[in-house]
Amino acid sequence: MISSIFEKTKPVNFIILLVFLFLFYWSVQFYLFDLSMSNVEIAPSIGILTILLFSVFIVDFVVKRNKLTSTNSFAILFFTLLFVVFPETLGDNNAIFTSFFLLLAMRRLLSIKSLKNIKLKIFDASLWICISSVFYEWALLYLLLVFAAIYIYEPKNIRNWLVIISVGFCFFMILYGILVLLDKPNFILEHYDFAIHYDAIFPIKWWTSLKMTLYALFNMALAFSAFVHLSKSGVGKVIVMRLIAFSFVIGLVVNVLVTSENNNAVMITFFPSVIFIVNYLESIKKPKFLELILVSSILIPIIVFVVKL
C-alpha cells in the first residue's frame, strides 16, 4: 500500500510529508528538548520551519531535474524519515540553514553535467557554499566538491578555476559590508577560526556514536550497491553518483568537526543518503519485499523515537 502511494509523484505525497514534518518538528521541540510555550519565539521558529519544509521541495526538484532516481516520491519520503532517525538535528538551527544552502549549491553543481553555462553554475554553487559557511565555517570544505566537478567536466579551461576565487572575493566584500552595517566587523575573524574542538569530539556517547557509525556504514554499503547497479547505465550517471558520494564523505567530516553539545550537522548528509537509499529500493524486483522495507523504514524510526521520549 505504501509503495503504491509513493511510487508516483502526487501532490498528496507532499501534503502528507509536509504535515508530518510540521507536527514532528514541534513534537521534537516540546518533548525532546523540553521547550515550553512561553519560551517559543514564534517568528524565528516559523522562519526556520519554513526553510525546513522548503528543503523537501528542493530535494524533489534536484532529484527529478537531474534524474537521480526514477519518477517517484521515495526521495522526499526518506528525506523526511531521516529526521525521525536523527531528531536531535532539528534542535540545531545552524544545521537547518547550512543544509538548505548546500542543497541549493548541489542543485547548481549537478546541473554542470549539461556543459551549458558552466561558469555561471560554478559561481552560483560556490556562492551558496560560502553562504552556508556563515552558519558552519567548516562548510567551506564543500568547495572541494566544486573543484571535483570542474576537474571532471572542464578542467582545461583556466577561467573555471578562477571563478571560485572571484566568488570568494565577492562573498567577503558583501559579508564585510553587511557586518559593518550591523556593527559586527569582528565576526569574520571570530567565526572563521576553523578551530577543532577536541574536547567535544573525543568524549564518546555510545548511542550517538553507534548510530552514526551504523549510518555511515549503511550508506557506504548502499553506495557500493548503487555503483554496481549503475555501472550498466552509462558513464554520466556514474560520475554524478561519484560527486554525490564525495558530498556524503565531506558531510561526515564536517559533522565531526562541528560536533559539540548544541551542534548536530548530520542533516547535511541527508541528501546523498537519500539518493543511495532510493537507488537501492529501485533495484528491488519483488513488490512484497519492497513493501516490507518501506513499512519497516517508517515504523521502526517512529517506535524508537517514541520509546526515547
Protein backbone atom coordinates (compact mmCIF):
# COMPACT_ATOMS: atom_id res chain seq x y z
CA MET A 1 0.00 0.00 0.00
CA ILE A 2 2.75 2.43 0.96
CA SER A 3 4.74 1.62 -2.16
CA SER A 4 1.67 2.26 -4.32
CA ILE A 5 1.33 5.73 -2.77
CA PHE A 6 4.93 6.86 -3.08
CA GLU A 7 5.85 5.10 -6.32
CA LYS A 8 4.19 8.00 -8.10
CA THR A 9 4.61 11.74 -7.72
CA LYS A 10 1.35 13.16 -6.45
CA PRO A 11 0.54 16.42 -4.63
CA VAL A 12 -0.96 14.37 -1.81
CA ASN A 13 2.50 12.92 -1.11
CA PHE A 14 3.85 16.39 -0.42
CA ILE A 15 0.87 17.19 1.79
CA ILE A 16 1.34 14.02 3.84
CA LEU A 17 5.06 14.53 4.35
CA LEU A 18 4.92 18.26 4.99
CA VAL A 19 2.15 17.86 7.58
CA PHE A 20 4.08 15.05 9.23
CA LEU A 21 7.33 17.06 9.27
CA PHE A 22 5.49 20.10 10.65
CA LEU A 23 4.00 18.08 13.51
CA PHE A 24 7.21 16.18 14.12
CA TYR A 25 9.25 19.39 14.33
CA TRP A 26 7.07 20.74 17.12
CA SER A 27 6.99 17.37 18.86
CA VAL A 28 10.77 17.38 18.98
CA GLN A 29 10.87 20.94 20.31
CA PHE A 30 8.33 20.37 23.08
CA TYR A 31 9.04 16.78 24.10
CA LEU A 32 12.66 16.04 23.20
CA PHE A 33 14.10 19.46 24.05
CA ASP A 34 11.52 20.29 26.76
CA LEU A 35 10.70 23.63 25.22
CA SER A 36 7.71 25.37 26.80
CA MET A 37 5.18 27.56 25.04
CA SER A 38 6.45 30.62 26.90
CA ASN A 39 9.96 30.08 25.51
CA VAL A 40 8.91 29.74 21.88
CA GLU A 41 9.86 32.64 19.64
CA ILE A 42 7.09 32.46 17.07
CA ALA A 43 8.56 34.47 14.17
CA PRO A 44 12.06 32.85 14.15
CA SER A 45 10.58 29.37 14.64
CA ILE A 46 8.19 29.83 11.73
CA GLY A 47 11.05 31.08 9.55
CA ILE A 48 13.23 28.07 10.41
CA LEU A 49 10.33 25.67 9.89
CA THR A 50 9.59 27.26 6.50
CA ILE A 51 13.21 26.70 5.43
CA LEU A 52 12.97 23.11 6.62
CA LEU A 53 9.75 22.42 4.73
CA PHE A 54 11.01 24.17 1.60
CA SER A 55 14.06 21.87 1.68
CA VAL A 56 11.71 18.99 0.84
CA PHE A 57 10.70 20.71 -2.40
CA ILE A 58 14.33 21.39 -3.30
CA VAL A 59 15.25 17.73 -2.77
CA ASP A 60 12.38 16.68 -5.02
CA PHE A 61 13.36 19.24 -7.68
CA VAL A 62 17.05 18.28 -7.72
CA VAL A 63 16.27 14.57 -7.89
CA LYS A 64 13.80 14.91 -10.75
CA ARG A 65 15.72 17.56 -12.72
CA ASN A 66 18.91 15.51 -12.69
CA LYS A 67 17.12 12.15 -13.00
CA LEU A 68 18.96 10.80 -9.97
CA THR A 69 16.15 8.31 -9.39
CA SER A 70 13.09 7.14 -11.27
CA THR A 71 9.85 9.12 -11.17
CA ASN A 72 8.59 8.54 -7.63
CA SER A 73 8.34 10.19 -4.23
CA PHE A 74 10.71 7.88 -2.36
CA ALA A 75 13.38 10.62 -2.14
CA ILE A 76 11.23 13.06 -0.17
CA LEU A 77 9.81 10.19 1.90
CA PHE A 78 13.23 9.09 3.14
CA PHE A 79 14.46 12.67 3.45
CA THR A 80 11.62 13.18 5.94
CA LEU A 81 12.21 9.85 7.69
CA LEU A 82 15.86 10.67 8.32
CA PHE A 83 14.69 13.46 10.61
CA VAL A 84 12.92 10.81 12.67
CA VAL A 85 16.14 8.81 12.82
CA PHE A 86 18.12 11.90 13.87
CA PRO A 87 15.56 14.11 15.70
CA GLU A 88 18.29 15.92 17.63
CA THR A 89 19.39 17.69 14.45
CA LEU A 90 16.10 19.66 14.50
CA GLY A 91 17.38 21.46 17.56
CA ASP A 92 20.31 22.90 15.61
CA ASN A 93 19.13 25.89 13.57
CA ASN A 94 22.59 26.29 12.03
CA ALA A 95 22.31 22.77 10.62
CA ILE A 96 18.94 23.56 9.04
CA PHE A 97 20.24 26.70 7.33
CA THR A 98 23.51 25.06 6.29
CA SER A 99 21.68 22.09 4.81
CA PHE A 100 19.31 24.38 2.93
CA PHE A 101 22.05 26.41 1.24
CA LEU A 102 24.08 23.30 0.46
CA LEU A 103 21.02 21.85 -1.28
CA LEU A 104 20.90 24.98 -3.43
CA ALA A 105 24.59 24.52 -4.17
CA MET A 106 24.06 20.88 -5.17
CA ARG A 107 21.22 21.95 -7.44
CA ARG A 108 23.62 24.08 -9.47
CA LEU A 109 26.60 21.79 -9.17
CA LEU A 110 24.86 18.68 -10.52
CA SER A 111 23.49 20.66 -13.47
CA ILE A 112 27.05 21.26 -14.73
CA LYS A 113 26.80 17.89 -16.49
CA SER A 114 24.80 19.60 -19.27
CA LEU A 115 28.01 21.56 -20.09
CA LYS A 116 25.95 24.74 -20.52
CA ASN A 117 26.71 27.98 -18.65
CA ILE A 118 29.38 26.18 -16.66
CA LYS A 119 30.98 29.32 -15.22
CA LEU A 120 27.64 30.68 -14.01
CA LYS A 121 26.80 27.37 -12.33
CA ILE A 122 30.22 27.22 -10.69
CA PHE A 123 29.74 30.76 -9.45
CA ASP A 124 26.27 30.02 -8.04
CA ALA A 125 27.29 26.76 -6.38
CA SER A 126 30.38 28.32 -4.82
CA LEU A 127 28.39 31.31 -3.58
CA TRP A 128 25.75 29.11 -1.92
CA ILE A 129 28.51 27.14 -0.23
CA CYS A 130 30.10 30.34 1.04
CA ILE A 131 26.74 31.49 2.39
CA SER A 132 26.28 28.15 4.17
CA SER A 133 29.65 28.72 5.86
CA VAL A 134 28.14 31.68 7.72
CA PHE A 135 26.41 29.08 9.89
CA TYR A 136 29.18 26.45 9.93
CA GLU A 137 32.60 27.68 8.88
CA TRP A 138 33.67 24.12 8.02
CA ALA A 139 31.01 24.04 5.29
CA LEU A 140 33.66 25.69 3.11
CA LEU A 141 35.05 22.17 2.68
CA TYR A 142 32.25 21.66 0.17
CA LEU A 143 34.25 23.86 -2.20
CA LEU A 144 36.26 20.68 -2.76
CA LEU A 145 33.14 19.36 -4.45
CA VAL A 146 33.21 22.31 -6.84
CA PHE A 147 36.86 21.61 -7.63
CA ALA A 148 35.97 17.97 -8.27
CA ALA A 149 33.15 18.95 -10.64
CA ILE A 150 35.44 21.28 -12.60
CA TYR A 151 38.12 18.59 -12.80
CA ILE A 152 35.59 16.08 -14.11
CA TYR A 153 33.73 18.20 -16.65
CA GLU A 154 36.01 21.00 -17.94
CA PRO A 155 39.43 21.10 -16.26
CA LYS A 156 41.39 22.67 -19.11
CA ASN A 157 39.52 25.98 -19.03
CA ILE A 158 41.52 28.03 -16.51
CA ARG A 159 38.66 30.53 -16.16
CA ASN A 160 36.55 27.87 -14.46
CA TRP A 161 39.10 27.64 -11.65
CA LEU A 162 39.35 31.42 -11.37
CA VAL A 163 35.59 31.71 -10.86
CA ILE A 164 35.96 30.27 -7.36
CA ILE A 165 38.48 32.99 -6.46
CA SER A 166 36.10 35.69 -7.71
CA VAL A 167 33.29 34.17 -5.63
CA GLY A 168 35.47 34.27 -2.52
CA PHE A 169 36.27 37.94 -3.10
CA CYS A 170 32.63 38.89 -3.78
CA PHE A 171 31.36 36.97 -0.77
CA PHE A 172 33.94 38.55 1.54
CA MET A 173 33.15 42.09 0.35
CA ILE A 174 29.37 41.61 0.66
CA LEU A 175 29.64 39.91 4.07
CA TYR A 176 32.02 42.55 5.41
CA GLY A 177 29.73 45.34 4.21
CA ILE A 178 26.74 43.74 5.96
CA LEU A 179 28.75 43.22 9.15
CA VAL A 180 29.83 46.88 9.17
CA LEU A 181 26.19 47.94 8.93
CA LEU A 182 25.33 45.57 11.78
CA ASP A 183 28.31 46.86 13.78
CA LYS A 184 29.85 43.37 13.97
CA PRO A 185 33.08 43.74 11.95
CA ASN A 186 34.90 41.16 14.08
CA PHE A 187 32.53 38.34 13.11
CA ILE A 188 34.74 37.11 10.26
CA LEU A 189 37.82 36.63 12.44
CA GLU A 190 35.83 35.12 15.29
CA HIS A 191 33.69 32.82 13.15
CA TYR A 192 36.20 31.60 10.56
CA ASP A 193 38.79 30.40 13.04
CA PHE A 194 38.44 26.76 11.88
CA ALA A 195 39.12 25.55 15.40
CA ILE A 196 38.81 21.84 16.11
CA HIS A 197 37.13 21.24 19.47
CA TYR A 198 38.79 18.02 20.56
CA ASP A 199 37.01 18.10 23.91
CA ALA A 200 33.68 17.87 22.04
CA ILE A 201 34.79 15.24 19.53
CA PHE A 202 36.52 12.67 21.68
CA PRO A 203 34.03 12.14 24.53
CA ILE A 204 32.06 9.23 23.08
CA LYS A 205 28.35 8.86 23.78
CA TRP A 206 27.73 5.23 22.96
CA TRP A 207 24.23 5.61 21.47
CA THR A 208 25.07 8.63 19.32
CA SER A 209 28.40 7.16 18.19
CA LEU A 210 26.84 3.77 17.44
CA LYS A 211 24.03 5.36 15.46
CA MET A 212 26.40 7.50 13.41
CA THR A 213 28.72 4.55 12.76
CA LEU A 214 25.85 2.36 11.59
CA TYR A 215 24.52 5.25 9.50
CA ALA A 216 27.90 5.74 7.78
CA LEU A 217 28.41 2.00 7.16
CA PHE A 218 24.84 1.63 5.93
CA ASN A 219 25.30 4.40 3.38
CA MET A 220 28.66 3.05 2.26
CA ALA A 221 27.05 -0.31 1.56
CA LEU A 222 24.20 1.35 -0.34
CA ALA A 223 26.66 3.49 -2.30
CA PHE A 224 28.58 0.39 -3.34
CA SER A 225 25.32 -1.25 -4.40
CA ALA A 226 24.35 1.88 -6.35
CA PHE A 227 27.66 1.95 -8.23
CA VAL A 228 27.31 -1.72 -9.14
CA HIS A 229 23.74 -1.18 -10.30
CA LEU A 230 24.56 1.98 -12.28
CA SER A 231 27.67 0.58 -13.93
CA LYS A 232 25.45 -0.57 -16.78
CA SER A 233 23.65 2.76 -17.08
CA GLY A 234 26.44 4.77 -18.67
CA VAL A 235 29.37 6.90 -17.53
CA GLY A 236 27.23 10.01 -16.97
CA LYS A 237 25.21 8.61 -14.09
CA VAL A 238 28.29 7.06 -12.50
CA ILE A 239 30.08 10.43 -12.49
CA VAL A 240 27.10 12.14 -10.87
CA MET A 241 26.94 9.39 -8.26
CA ARG A 242 30.64 9.90 -7.52
CA LEU A 243 30.00 13.57 -6.79
CA ILE A 244 27.10 12.63 -4.53
CA ALA A 245 29.25 10.06 -2.71
CA PHE A 246 32.00 12.67 -2.29
CA SER A 247 29.47 15.11 -0.84
CA PHE A 248 28.44 12.46 1.68
CA VAL A 249 32.05 11.97 2.80
CA ILE A 250 32.56 15.72 3.13
CA GLY A 251 29.32 15.92 5.12
CA LEU A 252 30.55 13.28 7.58
CA VAL A 253 33.82 15.18 8.03
CA VAL A 254 32.01 18.48 8.60
CA ASN A 255 29.64 16.81 11.06
CA VAL A 256 32.60 15.60 13.11
CA LEU A 257 34.40 18.95 13.00
CA VAL A 258 31.41 20.96 14.22
CA THR A 259 30.28 18.42 16.82
CA SER A 260 29.50 19.95 20.19
CA GLU A 261 26.77 19.81 22.79
CA ASN A 262 24.50 22.14 20.81
CA ASN A 263 25.51 21.27 17.26
CA ASN A 264 24.47 18.34 15.14
CA ALA A 265 25.21 18.73 11.45
CA VAL A 266 24.35 15.23 10.27
CA MET A 267 21.44 16.77 8.36
CA ILE A 268 23.83 17.92 5.64
CA THR A 269 24.38 14.26 4.70
CA PHE A 270 20.67 13.50 4.25
CA PHE A 271 20.52 14.36 0.55
CA PRO A 272 23.25 11.96 -0.65
CA SER A 273 21.96 9.32 1.77
CA VAL A 274 18.50 9.59 0.22
CA ILE A 275 19.92 9.06 -3.27
CA PHE A 276 21.71 5.90 -2.13
CA ILE A 277 18.59 4.55 -0.41
CA VAL A 278 16.23 5.19 -3.31
CA ASN A 279 18.61 3.71 -5.89
CA TYR A 280 18.75 0.55 -3.81
CA LEU A 281 14.96 0.41 -3.48
CA GLU A 282 14.57 0.76 -7.23
CA SER A 283 16.80 -2.28 -7.72
CA ILE A 284 14.36 -4.46 -5.75
CA LYS A 285 12.22 -6.50 -8.09
CA LYS A 286 9.93 -8.15 -5.54
CA PRO A 287 6.95 -5.89 -4.64
CA LYS A 288 6.27 -7.63 -1.32
CA PHE A 289 9.88 -7.26 -0.19
CA LEU A 290 9.82 -3.59 -1.20
CA GLU A 291 6.62 -3.07 0.78
CA LEU A 292 8.19 -4.76 3.82
CA ILE A 293 11.22 -2.46 3.67
CA LEU A 294 9.06 0.65 3.34
CA VAL A 295 6.82 -0.31 6.25
CA SER A 296 9.86 -1.13 8.42
CA SER A 297 11.57 2.13 7.44
CA ILE A 298 8.55 4.09 8.63
CA LEU A 299 7.56 2.16 11.76
CA ILE A 300 10.95 1.39 13.31
CA PRO A 301 12.24 5.02 13.49
CA ILE A 302 8.91 6.24 14.86
CA ILE A 303 8.80 3.49 17.51
CA VAL A 304 12.42 4.21 18.54
CA PHE A 305 11.65 7.93 18.78
CA VAL A 306 8.53 7.35 20.91
CA VAL A 307 10.41 4.96 23.22
CA LYS A 308 13.22 7.51 23.56
CA LEU A 309 10.71 10.10 24.70
